[in-house]
Amino acid sequence: IASLWLFLMAAMTLVAYLSHKGVIDGIVNALLPERMSERKLMLLTG
C-alpha cells in the first residue's frame, strides 16, 4: 500500500504541476487539429 501511495503521490503531483502550468493544454493545442470528428477522436484516444 505504501509503495502505491507514494508512487501515486509523486505521479499526481508531477501531472498537477504540468497541468497548472499549461503544458498539457499546449500539447493538446499542438497535436490536435482545429476540427475533428468524435469518432476519429475516439480512435486516437485509444
PDB file of all heavy atoms in Angstrom:
ATOM      1  N   ILE A   1       0.831  -1.204   0.000  1.00  0.00           N
ATOM      2  CA  ILE A   1       0.000   0.000   0.000  1.00  0.00           C
ATOM      3  C   ILE A   1       0.867   1.256   0.000  1.00  0.00           C
ATOM      4  O   ILE A   1       0.622   2.205  -0.751  1.00  0.00           O
ATOM      5  CB  ILE A   1      -0.941  -0.002   1.215  1.00  0.00           C
ATOM      6  CG1 ILE A   1      -1.951  -1.143   1.100  1.00  0.00           C
ATOM      7  CG2 ILE A   1      -1.666   1.335   1.347  1.00  0.00           C
ATOM      8  CD1 ILE A   1      -2.786  -1.357   2.353  1.00  0.00           C
ATOM      9  N   ALA A   2       1.914   1.252   0.845  1.00  0.00           N
ATOM     10  CA  ALA A   2       2.791   2.425   0.931  1.00  0.00           C
ATOM     11  C   ALA A   2       3.482   2.694  -0.395  1.00  0.00           C
ATOM     12  O   ALA A   2       3.615   3.853  -0.814  1.00  0.00           O
ATOM     13  CB  ALA A   2       3.824   2.215   2.039  1.00  0.00           C
ATOM     14  N   SER A   3       3.922   1.629  -1.068  1.00  0.00           N
ATOM     15  CA  SER A   3       4.582   1.798  -2.364  1.00  0.00           C
ATOM     16  C   SER A   3       3.633   2.441  -3.370  1.00  0.00           C
ATOM     17  O   SER A   3       4.016   3.353  -4.120  1.00  0.00           O
ATOM     18  CB  SER A   3       5.073   0.443  -2.892  1.00  0.00           C
ATOM     19  OG  SER A   3       6.045  -0.109  -2.030  1.00  0.00           O
ATOM     20  N   LEU A   4       2.378   1.969  -3.390  1.00  0.00           N
ATOM     21  CA  LEU A   4       1.395   2.530  -4.322  1.00  0.00           C
ATOM     22  C   LEU A   4       1.039   3.963  -3.946  1.00  0.00           C
ATOM     23  O   LEU A   4       0.917   4.831  -4.812  1.00  0.00           O
ATOM     24  CB  LEU A   4       0.147   1.650  -4.339  1.00  0.00           C
ATOM     25  CG  LEU A   4      -0.966   2.071  -5.301  1.00  0.00           C
ATOM     26  CD1 LEU A   4      -0.451   2.140  -6.726  1.00  0.00           C
ATOM     27  CD2 LEU A   4      -2.132   1.103  -5.215  1.00  0.00           C
ATOM     28  N   TRP A   5       0.886   4.224  -2.667  1.00  0.00           N
ATOM     29  CA  TRP A   5       0.574   5.577  -2.189  1.00  0.00           C
ATOM     30  C   TRP A   5       1.633   6.575  -2.638  1.00  0.00           C
ATOM     31  O   TRP A   5       1.326   7.623  -3.200  1.00  0.00           O
ATOM     32  CB  TRP A   5       0.495   5.558  -0.656  1.00  0.00           C
ATOM     33  CG  TRP A   5      -0.894   5.580  -0.116  1.00  0.00           C
ATOM     34  CD1 TRP A   5      -1.882   4.693  -0.368  1.00  0.00           C
ATOM     35  CD2 TRP A   5      -1.427   6.552   0.790  1.00  0.00           C
ATOM     36  NE1 TRP A   5      -3.016   5.041   0.332  1.00  0.00           N
ATOM     37  CE2 TRP A   5      -2.757   6.165   1.049  1.00  0.00           C
ATOM     38  CE3 TRP A   5      -0.921   7.672   1.418  1.00  0.00           C
ATOM     39  CZ2 TRP A   5      -3.585   6.880   1.898  1.00  0.00           C
ATOM     40  CZ3 TRP A   5      -1.743   8.392   2.272  1.00  0.00           C
ATOM     41  CH2 TRP A   5      -3.071   7.995   2.500  1.00  0.00           C
ATOM     42  N   LEU A   6       2.889   6.241  -2.352  1.00  0.00           N
ATOM     43  CA  LEU A   6       3.981   7.163  -2.664  1.00  0.00           C
ATOM     44  C   LEU A   6       4.128   7.347  -4.175  1.00  0.00           C
ATOM     45  O   LEU A   6       4.415   8.450  -4.655  1.00  0.00           O
ATOM     46  CB  LEU A   6       5.282   6.649  -2.056  1.00  0.00           C
ATOM     47  CG  LEU A   6       5.328   6.645  -0.517  1.00  0.00           C
ATOM     48  CD1 LEU A   6       6.573   5.945  -0.027  1.00  0.00           C
ATOM     49  CD2 LEU A   6       5.257   8.071   0.027  1.00  0.00           C
ATOM     50  N   PHE A   7       3.947   6.257  -4.912  1.00  0.00           N
ATOM     51  CA  PHE A   7       4.021   6.356  -6.367  1.00  0.00           C
ATOM     52  C   PHE A   7       2.915   7.270  -6.889  1.00  0.00           C
ATOM     53  O   PHE A   7       3.151   8.138  -7.733  1.00  0.00           O
ATOM     54  CB  PHE A   7       3.906   4.967  -6.988  1.00  0.00           C
ATOM     55  CG  PHE A   7       4.005   4.967  -8.484  1.00  0.00           C
ATOM     56  CD1 PHE A   7       5.232   4.858  -9.110  1.00  0.00           C
ATOM     57  CD2 PHE A   7       2.874   5.093  -9.278  1.00  0.00           C
ATOM     58  CE1 PHE A   7       5.337   4.874 -10.493  1.00  0.00           C
ATOM     59  CE2 PHE A   7       2.968   5.110 -10.653  1.00  0.00           C
ATOM     60  CZ  PHE A   7       4.206   5.002 -11.261  1.00  0.00           C
ATOM     61  N   LEU A   8       1.696   7.056  -6.417  1.00  0.00           N
ATOM     62  CA  LEU A   8       0.568   7.886  -6.830  1.00  0.00           C
ATOM     63  C   LEU A   8       0.805   9.351  -6.479  1.00  0.00           C
ATOM     64  O   LEU A   8       0.538  10.254  -7.285  1.00  0.00           O
ATOM     65  CB  LEU A   8      -0.710   7.388  -6.159  1.00  0.00           C
ATOM     66  CG  LEU A   8      -1.592   6.399  -6.927  1.00  0.00           C
ATOM     67  CD1 LEU A   8      -2.718   5.924  -6.043  1.00  0.00           C
ATOM     68  CD2 LEU A   8      -2.140   7.032  -8.180  1.00  0.00           C
ATOM     69  N   MET A   9       1.294   9.584  -5.273  1.00  0.00           N
ATOM     70  CA  MET A   9       1.541  10.953  -4.822  1.00  0.00           C
ATOM     71  C   MET A   9       2.532  11.658  -5.742  1.00  0.00           C
ATOM     72  O   MET A   9       2.316  12.803  -6.163  1.00  0.00           O
ATOM     73  CB  MET A   9       2.059  10.930  -3.384  1.00  0.00           C
ATOM     74  CG  MET A   9       2.303  12.312  -2.768  1.00  0.00           C
ATOM     75  SD  MET A   9       3.979  12.937  -3.080  1.00  0.00           S
ATOM     76  CE  MET A   9       4.956  11.750  -2.160  1.00  0.00           C
ATOM     77  N   ALA A  10       3.624  10.959  -6.094  1.00  0.00           N
ATOM     78  CA  ALA A  10       4.636  11.553  -6.963  1.00  0.00           C
ATOM     79  C   ALA A  10       4.088  11.807  -8.364  1.00  0.00           C
ATOM     80  O   ALA A  10       4.256  12.903  -8.927  1.00  0.00           O
ATOM     81  CB  ALA A  10       5.864  10.647  -7.023  1.00  0.00           C
ATOM     82  N   ALA A  11       3.425  10.802  -8.942  1.00  0.00           N
ATOM     83  CA  ALA A  11       2.902  10.931 -10.306  1.00  0.00           C
ATOM     84  C   ALA A  11       1.828  12.016 -10.388  1.00  0.00           C
ATOM     85  O   ALA A  11       1.821  12.839 -11.314  1.00  0.00           O
ATOM     86  CB  ALA A  11       2.347   9.589 -10.774  1.00  0.00           C
ATOM     87  N   MET A  12       0.913  12.032  -9.422  1.00  0.00           N
ATOM     88  CA  MET A  12      -0.179  13.002  -9.447  1.00  0.00           C
ATOM     89  C   MET A  12       0.335  14.423  -9.231  1.00  0.00           C
ATOM     90  O   MET A  12      -0.211  15.379  -9.803  1.00  0.00           O
ATOM     91  CB  MET A  12      -1.229  12.632  -8.393  1.00  0.00           C
ATOM     92  CG  MET A  12      -1.967  11.333  -8.694  1.00  0.00           C
ATOM     93  SD  MET A  12      -3.020  10.761  -7.338  1.00  0.00           S
ATOM     94  CE  MET A  12      -4.407  11.853  -7.499  1.00  0.00           C
ATOM     95  N   THR A  13       1.371  14.574  -8.424  1.00  0.00           N
ATOM     96  CA  THR A  13       1.939  15.909  -8.198  1.00  0.00           C
ATOM     97  C   THR A  13       2.608  16.436  -9.460  1.00  0.00           C
ATOM     98  O   THR A  13       2.438  17.610  -9.834  1.00  0.00           O
ATOM     99  CB  THR A  13       2.960  15.876  -7.049  1.00  0.00           C
ATOM    100  OG1 THR A  13       2.338  15.358  -5.870  1.00  0.00           O
ATOM    101  CG2 THR A  13       3.487  17.274  -6.762  1.00  0.00           C
ATOM    102  N   LEU A  14       3.360  15.585 -10.153  1.00  0.00           N
ATOM    103  CA  LEU A  14       4.003  15.992 -11.401  1.00  0.00           C
ATOM    104  C   LEU A  14       2.967  16.387 -12.457  1.00  0.00           C
ATOM    105  O   LEU A  14       3.112  17.412 -13.135  1.00  0.00           O
ATOM    106  CB  LEU A  14       4.888  14.857 -11.918  1.00  0.00           C
ATOM    107  CG  LEU A  14       6.235  14.674 -11.208  1.00  0.00           C
ATOM    108  CD1 LEU A  14       6.825  13.302 -11.517  1.00  0.00           C
ATOM    109  CD2 LEU A  14       7.210  15.769 -11.624  1.00  0.00           C
ATOM    110  N   VAL A  15       1.917  15.563 -12.596  1.00  0.00           N
ATOM    111  CA  VAL A  15       0.871  15.865 -13.575  1.00  0.00           C
ATOM    112  C   VAL A  15       0.120  17.143 -13.183  1.00  0.00           C
ATOM    113  O   VAL A  15      -0.227  17.961 -14.048  1.00  0.00           O
ATOM    114  CB  VAL A  15      -0.098  14.673 -13.707  1.00  0.00           C
ATOM    115  CG1 VAL A  15      -1.295  15.043 -14.579  1.00  0.00           C
ATOM    116  CG2 VAL A  15       0.620  13.468 -14.290  1.00  0.00           C
ATOM    117  N   ALA A  16      -0.127  17.338 -11.877  1.00  0.00           N
ATOM    118  CA  ALA A  16      -0.817  18.552 -11.416  1.00  0.00           C
ATOM    119  C   ALA A  16      -0.002  19.799 -11.753  1.00  0.00           C
ATOM    120  O   ALA A  16      -0.554  20.825 -12.176  1.00  0.00           O
ATOM    121  CB  ALA A  16      -1.059  18.472  -9.916  1.00  0.00           C
ATOM    122  N   TYR A  17       1.307  19.734 -11.608  1.00  0.00           N
ATOM    123  CA  TYR A  17       2.171  20.878 -11.935  1.00  0.00           C
ATOM    124  C   TYR A  17       2.110  21.189 -13.431  1.00  0.00           C
ATOM    125  O   TYR A  17       1.921  22.341 -13.837  1.00  0.00           O
ATOM    126  CB  TYR A  17       3.607  20.575 -11.505  1.00  0.00           C
ATOM    127  CG  TYR A  17       4.580  21.699 -11.829  1.00  0.00           C
ATOM    128  CD1 TYR A  17       4.802  22.715 -10.915  1.00  0.00           C
ATOM    129  CD2 TYR A  17       5.245  21.751 -13.056  1.00  0.00           C
ATOM    130  CE1 TYR A  17       5.676  23.756 -11.197  1.00  0.00           C
ATOM    131  CE2 TYR A  17       6.112  22.781 -13.360  1.00  0.00           C
ATOM    132  CZ  TYR A  17       6.330  23.786 -12.424  1.00  0.00           C
ATOM    133  OH  TYR A  17       7.180  24.819 -12.720  1.00  0.00           O
ATOM    134  N   LEU A  18       2.283  20.147 -14.253  1.00  0.00           N
ATOM    135  CA  LEU A  18       2.287  20.351 -15.705  1.00  0.00           C
ATOM    136  C   LEU A  18       0.936  20.860 -16.201  1.00  0.00           C
ATOM    137  O   LEU A  18       0.870  21.682 -17.116  1.00  0.00           O
ATOM    138  CB  LEU A  18       2.654  19.036 -16.406  1.00  0.00           C
ATOM    139  CG  LEU A  18       4.079  18.526 -16.154  1.00  0.00           C
ATOM    140  CD1 LEU A  18       4.272  17.172 -16.818  1.00  0.00           C
ATOM    141  CD2 LEU A  18       5.109  19.524 -16.658  1.00  0.00           C
ATOM    142  N   SER A  19      -0.142  20.362 -15.601  1.00  0.00           N
ATOM    143  CA  SER A  19      -1.481  20.815 -15.999  1.00  0.00           C
ATOM    144  C   SER A  19      -1.692  22.270 -15.602  1.00  0.00           C
ATOM    145  O   SER A  19      -2.232  23.074 -16.377  1.00  0.00           O
ATOM    146  CB  SER A  19      -2.539  19.919 -15.347  1.00  0.00           C
ATOM    147  OG  SER A  19      -3.834  20.334 -15.707  1.00  0.00           O
ATOM    148  N   HIS A  20      -1.272  22.644 -14.396  1.00  0.00           N
ATOM    149  CA  HIS A  20      -1.463  24.014 -13.912  1.00  0.00           C
ATOM    150  C   HIS A  20      -0.647  25.004 -14.744  1.00  0.00           C
ATOM    151  O   HIS A  20      -1.085  26.144 -14.969  1.00  0.00           O
ATOM    152  CB  HIS A  20      -1.045  24.101 -12.447  1.00  0.00           C
ATOM    153  CG  HIS A  20      -1.198  25.471 -11.849  1.00  0.00           C
ATOM    154  ND1 HIS A  20      -2.422  25.987 -11.483  1.00  0.00           N
ATOM    155  CD2 HIS A  20      -0.279  26.443 -11.564  1.00  0.00           C
ATOM    156  CE1 HIS A  20      -2.268  27.204 -11.001  1.00  0.00           C
ATOM    157  NE2 HIS A  20      -0.966  27.507 -11.033  1.00  0.00           N
ATOM    158  N   LYS A  21       0.518  24.591 -15.216  1.00  0.00           N
ATOM    159  CA  LYS A  21       1.385  25.473 -15.982  1.00  0.00           C
ATOM    160  C   LYS A  21       1.005  25.526 -17.463  1.00  0.00           C
ATOM    161  O   LYS A  21       1.658  26.219 -18.246  1.00  0.00           O
ATOM    162  CB  LYS A  21       2.840  25.019 -15.847  1.00  0.00           C
ATOM    163  CG  LYS A  21       3.396  25.200 -14.443  1.00  0.00           C
ATOM    164  CD  LYS A  21       3.429  26.665 -14.035  1.00  0.00           C
ATOM    165  CE  LYS A  21       4.042  26.856 -12.673  1.00  0.00           C
ATOM    166  NZ  LYS A  21       4.128  28.288 -12.298  1.00  0.00           N
ATOM    167  N   GLY A  22      -0.023  24.772 -17.863  1.00  0.00           N
ATOM    168  CA  GLY A  22      -0.486  24.828 -19.238  1.00  0.00           C
ATOM    169  C   GLY A  22       0.299  23.976 -20.208  1.00  0.00           C
ATOM    170  O   GLY A  22       0.108  24.092 -21.428  1.00  0.00           O
ATOM    171  N   VAL A  23       1.168  23.104 -19.689  1.00  0.00           N
ATOM    172  CA  VAL A  23       1.972  22.265 -20.579  1.00  0.00           C
ATOM    173  C   VAL A  23       1.085  21.269 -21.318  1.00  0.00           C
ATOM    174  O   VAL A  23       1.206  21.089 -22.535  1.00  0.00           O
ATOM    175  CB  VAL A  23       3.063  21.524 -19.778  1.00  0.00           C
ATOM    176  CG1 VAL A  23       3.831  20.568 -20.692  1.00  0.00           C
ATOM    177  CG2 VAL A  23       4.019  22.517 -19.139  1.00  0.00           C
ATOM    178  N   ILE A  24       0.189  20.615 -20.581  1.00  0.00           N
ATOM    179  CA  ILE A  24      -0.697  19.630 -21.211  1.00  0.00           C
ATOM    180  C   ILE A  24      -1.637  20.313 -22.187  1.00  0.00           C
ATOM    181  O   ILE A  24      -1.902  19.804 -23.289  1.00  0.00           O
ATOM    182  CB  ILE A  24      -1.473  18.848 -20.131  1.00  0.00           C
ATOM    183  CG1 ILE A  24      -0.494  17.999 -19.297  1.00  0.00           C
ATOM    184  CG2 ILE A  24      -2.541  17.959 -20.761  1.00  0.00           C
ATOM    185  CD1 ILE A  24      -1.136  17.240 -18.175  1.00  0.00           C
ATOM    186  N   ASP A  25      -2.141  21.491 -21.815  1.00  0.00           N
ATOM    187  CA  ASP A  25      -3.014  22.250 -22.723  1.00  0.00           C
ATOM    188  C   ASP A  25      -2.261  22.621 -23.990  1.00  0.00           C
ATOM    189  O   ASP A  25      -2.812  22.586 -25.100  1.00  0.00           O
ATOM    190  CB  ASP A  25      -3.504  23.506 -22.005  1.00  0.00           C
ATOM    191  CG  ASP A  25      -4.715  24.112 -22.691  1.00  0.00           C
ATOM    192  OD1 ASP A  25      -5.428  23.366 -23.379  1.00  0.00           O
ATOM    193  OD2 ASP A  25      -4.932  25.327 -22.560  1.00  0.00           O
ATOM    194  N   GLY A  26      -0.994  22.957 -23.842  1.00  0.00           N
ATOM    195  CA  GLY A  26      -0.187  23.301 -25.008  1.00  0.00           C
ATOM    196  C   GLY A  26       0.037  22.112 -25.919  1.00  0.00           C
ATOM    197  O   GLY A  26       0.034  22.258 -27.151  1.00  0.00           O
ATOM    198  N   ILE A  27       0.214  20.927 -25.330  1.00  0.00           N
ATOM    199  CA  ILE A  27       0.389  19.715 -26.132  1.00  0.00           C
ATOM    200  C   ILE A  27      -0.883  19.415 -26.924  1.00  0.00           C
ATOM    201  O   ILE A  27      -0.831  19.037 -28.103  1.00  0.00           O
ATOM    202  CB  ILE A  27       0.761  18.528 -25.229  1.00  0.00           C
ATOM    203  CG1 ILE A  27       2.158  18.755 -24.618  1.00  0.00           C
ATOM    204  CG2 ILE A  27       0.744  17.220 -26.005  1.00  0.00           C
ATOM    205  CD1 ILE A  27       2.546  17.716 -23.596  1.00  0.00           C
ATOM    206  N   VAL A  28      -2.039  19.584 -26.272  1.00  0.00           N
ATOM    207  CA  VAL A  28      -3.319  19.349 -26.946  1.00  0.00           C
ATOM    208  C   VAL A  28      -3.471  20.308 -28.128  1.00  0.00           C
ATOM    209  O   VAL A  28      -3.869  19.920 -29.234  1.00  0.00           O
ATOM    210  CB  VAL A  28      -4.486  19.522 -25.953  1.00  0.00           C
ATOM    211  CG1 VAL A  28      -5.821  19.484 -26.688  1.00  0.00           C
ATOM    212  CG2 VAL A  28      -4.447  18.441 -24.893  1.00  0.00           C
ATOM    213  N   ASN A  29      -3.153  21.580 -27.906  1.00  0.00           N
ATOM    214  CA  ASN A  29      -3.270  22.568 -28.986  1.00  0.00           C
ATOM    215  C   ASN A  29      -2.338  22.256 -30.140  1.00  0.00           C
ATOM    216  O   ASN A  29      -2.657  22.512 -31.310  1.00  0.00           O
ATOM    217  CB  ASN A  29      -2.968  23.970 -28.444  1.00  0.00           C
ATOM    218  CG  ASN A  29      -4.079  24.513 -27.570  1.00  0.00           C
ATOM    219  OD1 ASN A  29      -5.224  24.086 -27.677  1.00  0.00           O
ATOM    220  ND2 ASN A  29      -3.747  25.419 -26.671  1.00  0.00           N
ATOM    221  N   ALA A  30      -1.167  21.711 -29.822  1.00  0.00           N
ATOM    222  CA  ALA A  30      -0.175  21.452 -30.865  1.00  0.00           C
ATOM    223  C   ALA A  30      -0.506  20.201 -31.669  1.00  0.00           C
ATOM    224  O   ALA A  30      -0.275  20.158 -32.890  1.00  0.00           O
ATOM    225  CB  ALA A  30       1.212  21.318 -30.242  1.00  0.00           C
ATOM    226  N   LEU A  31      -1.042  19.190 -31.013  1.00  0.00           N
ATOM    227  CA  LEU A  31      -1.231  17.896 -31.674  1.00  0.00           C
ATOM    228  C   LEU A  31      -2.578  17.758 -32.376  1.00  0.00           C
ATOM    229  O   LEU A  31      -2.675  17.137 -33.428  1.00  0.00           O
ATOM    230  CB  LEU A  31      -1.061  16.763 -30.655  1.00  0.00           C
ATOM    231  CG  LEU A  31       0.337  16.596 -30.043  1.00  0.00           C
ATOM    232  CD1 LEU A  31       0.356  15.428 -29.064  1.00  0.00           C
ATOM    233  CD2 LEU A  31       1.383  16.383 -31.133  1.00  0.00           C
ATOM    234  N   LEU A  32      -3.626  18.304 -31.774  1.00  0.00           N
ATOM    235  CA  LEU A  32      -4.967  18.092 -32.328  1.00  0.00           C
ATOM    236  C   LEU A  32      -5.326  19.173 -33.337  1.00  0.00           C
ATOM    237  O   LEU A  32      -5.007  20.354 -33.139  1.00  0.00           O
ATOM    238  CB  LEU A  32      -6.008  18.073 -31.197  1.00  0.00           C
ATOM    239  CG  LEU A  32      -5.879  16.924 -30.197  1.00  0.00           C
ATOM    240  CD1 LEU A  32      -6.983  17.010 -29.150  1.00  0.00           C
ATOM    241  CD2 LEU A  32      -5.918  15.576 -30.892  1.00  0.00           C
ATOM    242  N   PRO A  33      -5.992  18.794 -34.417  1.00  0.00           N
ATOM    243  CA  PRO A  33      -6.426  19.790 -35.411  1.00  0.00           C
ATOM    244  C   PRO A  33      -7.582  20.623 -34.876  1.00  0.00           C
ATOM    245  O   PRO A  33      -8.177  20.299 -33.843  1.00  0.00           O
ATOM    246  CB  PRO A  33      -6.868  18.914 -36.593  1.00  0.00           C
ATOM    247  CG  PRO A  33      -7.265  17.614 -35.970  1.00  0.00           C
ATOM    248  CD  PRO A  33      -6.352  17.423 -34.801  1.00  0.00           C
ATOM    249  N   GLU A  34      -7.912  21.703 -35.593  1.00  0.00           N
ATOM    250  CA  GLU A  34      -8.995  22.572 -35.144  1.00  0.00           C
ATOM    251  C   GLU A  34     -10.347  21.881 -35.230  1.00  0.00           C
ATOM    252  O   GLU A  34     -11.236  22.126 -34.426  1.00  0.00           O
ATOM    253  CB  GLU A  34      -9.012  23.858 -35.966  1.00  0.00           C
ATOM    254  CG  GLU A  34      -7.821  24.764 -35.713  1.00  0.00           C
ATOM    255  CD  GLU A  34      -7.972  26.093 -36.414  1.00  0.00           C
ATOM    256  OE1 GLU A  34      -9.040  26.319 -37.041  1.00  0.00           O
ATOM    257  OE2 GLU A  34      -7.036  26.909 -36.336  1.00  0.00           O
ATOM    258  N   ARG A  35     -10.512  21.009 -36.214  1.00  0.00           N
ATOM    259  CA  ARG A  35     -11.770  20.277 -36.371  1.00  0.00           C
ATOM    260  C   ARG A  35     -11.464  18.783 -36.470  1.00  0.00           C
ATOM    261  O   ARG A  35     -10.525  18.375 -37.148  1.00  0.00           O
ATOM    262  CB  ARG A  35     -12.516  20.725 -37.628  1.00  0.00           C
ATOM    263  CG  ARG A  35     -13.141  22.092 -37.513  1.00  0.00           C
ATOM    264  CD  ARG A  35     -13.914  22.459 -38.764  1.00  0.00           C
ATOM    265  NE  ARG A  35     -14.608  23.711 -38.612  1.00  0.00           N
ATOM    266  CZ  ARG A  35     -15.835  23.834 -38.103  1.00  0.00           C
ATOM    267  NH1 ARG A  35     -16.494  22.746 -37.719  1.00  0.00           N
ATOM    268  NH2 ARG A  35     -16.397  25.024 -38.011  1.00  0.00           N
ATOM    269  N   MET A  36     -12.288  18.001 -35.791  1.00  0.00           N
ATOM    270  CA  MET A  36     -12.096  16.557 -35.810  1.00  0.00           C
ATOM    271  C   MET A  36     -13.402  15.895 -35.404  1.00  0.00           C
ATOM    272  O   MET A  36     -14.104  16.363 -34.505  1.00  0.00           O
ATOM    273  CB  MET A  36     -10.968  16.147 -34.857  1.00  0.00           C
ATOM    274  CG  MET A  36     -10.693  14.655 -34.828  1.00  0.00           C
ATOM    275  SD  MET A  36      -9.189  14.264 -33.884  1.00  0.00           S
ATOM    276  CE  MET A  36      -9.485  15.142 -32.363  1.00  0.00           C
ATOM    277  N   SER A  37     -13.728  14.792 -36.058  1.00  0.00           N
ATOM    278  CA  SER A  37     -14.956  14.085 -35.717  1.00  0.00           C
ATOM    279  C   SER A  37     -14.793  13.367 -34.381  1.00  0.00           C
ATOM    280  O   SER A  37     -13.670  13.021 -33.971  1.00  0.00           O
ATOM    281  CB  SER A  37     -15.312  13.064 -36.805  1.00  0.00           C
ATOM    282  OG  SER A  37     -14.354  12.013 -36.833  1.00  0.00           O
ATOM    283  N   GLU A  38     -15.908  13.164 -33.700  1.00  0.00           N
ATOM    284  CA  GLU A  38     -15.871  12.468 -32.412  1.00  0.00           C
ATOM    285  C   GLU A  38     -15.413  11.025 -32.573  1.00  0.00           C
ATOM    286  O   GLU A  38     -14.742  10.471 -31.691  1.00  0.00           O
ATOM    287  CB  GLU A  38     -17.257  12.524 -31.761  1.00  0.00           C
ATOM    288  CG  GLU A  38     -17.672  13.921 -31.354  1.00  0.00           C
ATOM    289  CD  GLU A  38     -19.102  13.988 -30.847  1.00  0.00           C
ATOM    290  OE1 GLU A  38     -19.898  13.076 -31.178  1.00  0.00           O
ATOM    291  OE2 GLU A  38     -19.422  14.942 -30.125  1.00  0.00           O
ATOM    292  N   ARG A  39     -15.739  10.414 -33.700  1.00  0.00           N
ATOM    293  CA  ARG A  39     -15.297   9.039 -33.956  1.00  0.00           C
ATOM    294  C   ARG A  39     -13.775   8.972 -34.113  1.00  0.00           C
ATOM    295  O   ARG A  39     -13.126   8.065 -33.597  1.00  0.00           O
ATOM    296  CB  ARG A  39     -15.971   8.500 -35.229  1.00  0.00           C
ATOM    297  CG  ARG A  39     -17.454   8.195 -35.073  1.00  0.00           C
ATOM    298  CD  ARG A  39     -18.054   7.792 -36.408  1.00  0.00           C
ATOM    299  NE  ARG A  39     -19.445   7.407 -36.266  1.00  0.00           N
ATOM    300  CZ  ARG A  39     -19.868   6.162 -36.059  1.00  0.00           C
ATOM    301  NH1 ARG A  39     -18.993   5.185 -35.986  1.00  0.00           N
ATOM    302  NH2 ARG A  39     -21.150   5.887 -35.932  1.00  0.00           N
ATOM    303  N   LYS A  40     -13.219   9.943 -34.820  1.00  0.00           N
ATOM    304  CA  LYS A  40     -11.770   9.960 -35.001  1.00  0.00           C
ATOM    305  C   LYS A  40     -11.069  10.196 -33.672  1.00  0.00           C
ATOM    306  O   LYS A  40     -10.032   9.581 -33.377  1.00  0.00           O
ATOM    307  CB  LYS A  40     -11.382  11.048 -36.004  1.00  0.00           C
ATOM    308  CG  LYS A  40      -9.897  11.064 -36.330  1.00  0.00           C
ATOM    309  CD  LYS A  40      -9.576  12.112 -37.382  1.00  0.00           C
ATOM    310  CE  LYS A  40      -8.088  12.122 -37.710  1.00  0.00           C
ATOM    311  NZ  LYS A  40      -7.762  13.155 -38.732  1.00  0.00           N
ATOM    312  N   LEU A  41     -11.635  11.068 -32.843  1.00  0.00           N
ATOM    313  CA  LEU A  41     -11.060  11.312 -31.521  1.00  0.00           C
ATOM    314  C   LEU A  41     -11.086  10.048 -30.676  1.00  0.00           C
ATOM    315  O   LEU A  41     -10.147   9.773 -29.920  1.00  0.00           O
ATOM    316  CB  LEU A  41     -11.827  12.432 -30.811  1.00  0.00           C
ATOM    317  CG  LEU A  41     -11.370  12.733 -29.379  1.00  0.00           C
ATOM    318  CD1 LEU A  41      -9.918  13.212 -29.359  1.00  0.00           C
ATOM    319  CD2 LEU A  41     -12.279  13.773 -28.723  1.00  0.00           C
ATOM    320  N   MET A  42     -12.149   9.249 -30.826  1.00  0.00           N
ATOM    321  CA  MET A  42     -12.248   8.002 -30.066  1.00  0.00           C
ATOM    322  C   MET A  42     -11.109   7.054 -30.433  1.00  0.00           C
ATOM    323  O   MET A  42     -10.445   6.471 -29.556  1.00  0.00           O
ATOM    324  CB  MET A  42     -13.603   7.343 -30.341  1.00  0.00           C
ATOM    325  CG  MET A  42     -13.876   6.081 -29.526  1.00  0.00           C
ATOM    326  SD  MET A  42     -14.127   6.404 -27.771  1.00  0.00           S
ATOM    327  CE  MET A  42     -15.778   7.138 -27.792  1.00  0.00           C
ATOM    328  N   LEU A  43     -10.863   6.909 -31.722  1.00  0.00           N
ATOM    329  CA  LEU A  43      -9.801   6.007 -32.161  1.00  0.00           C
ATOM    330  C   LEU A  43      -8.427   6.533 -31.750  1.00  0.00           C
ATOM    331  O   LEU A  43      -7.573   5.766 -31.288  1.00  0.00           O
ATOM    332  CB  LEU A  43      -9.864   5.839 -33.680  1.00  0.00           C
ATOM    333  CG  LEU A  43      -8.889   4.817 -34.289  1.00  0.00           C
ATOM    334  CD1 LEU A  43      -9.126   3.433 -33.700  1.00  0.00           C
ATOM    335  CD2 LEU A  43      -9.024   4.771 -35.798  1.00  0.00           C
ATOM    336  N   LEU A  44      -8.220   7.846 -31.875  1.00  0.00           N
ATOM    337  CA  LEU A  44      -6.937   8.426 -31.479  1.00  0.00           C
ATOM    338  C   LEU A  44      -6.709   8.310 -29.977  1.00  0.00           C
ATOM    339  O   LEU A  44      -5.581   8.103 -29.531  1.00  0.00           O
ATOM    340  CB  LEU A  44      -6.881   9.901 -31.903  1.00  0.00           C
ATOM    341  CG  LEU A  44      -6.755  10.176 -33.401  1.00  0.00           C
ATOM    342  CD1 LEU A  44      -6.776  11.677 -33.666  1.00  0.00           C
ATOM    343  CD2 LEU A  44      -5.473   9.565 -33.949  1.00  0.00           C
ATOM    344  N   THR A  45      -7.783   8.437 -29.196  1.00  0.00           N
ATOM    345  CA  THR A  45      -7.666   8.294 -27.740  1.00  0.00           C
ATOM    346  C   THR A  45      -7.211   6.890 -27.367  1.00  0.00           C
ATOM    347  O   THR A  45      -6.316   6.708 -26.542  1.00  0.00           O
ATOM    348  CB  THR A  45      -9.007   8.607 -27.061  1.00  0.00           C
ATOM    349  OG1 THR A  45      -9.395   9.948 -27.351  1.00  0.00           O
ATOM    350  CG2 THR A  45      -8.915   8.426 -25.553  1.00  0.00           C
ATOM    351  N   GLY A  46      -7.845   5.890 -27.990  1.00  0.00           N
ATOM    352  CA  GLY A  46      -7.458   4.508 -27.718  1.00  0.00           C
ATOM    353  C   GLY A  46      -6.027   4.231 -28.128  1.00  0.00           C
ATOM    354  O   GLY A  46      -5.268   3.576 -27.405  1.00  0.00           O
TER     355      GLY A  46
END
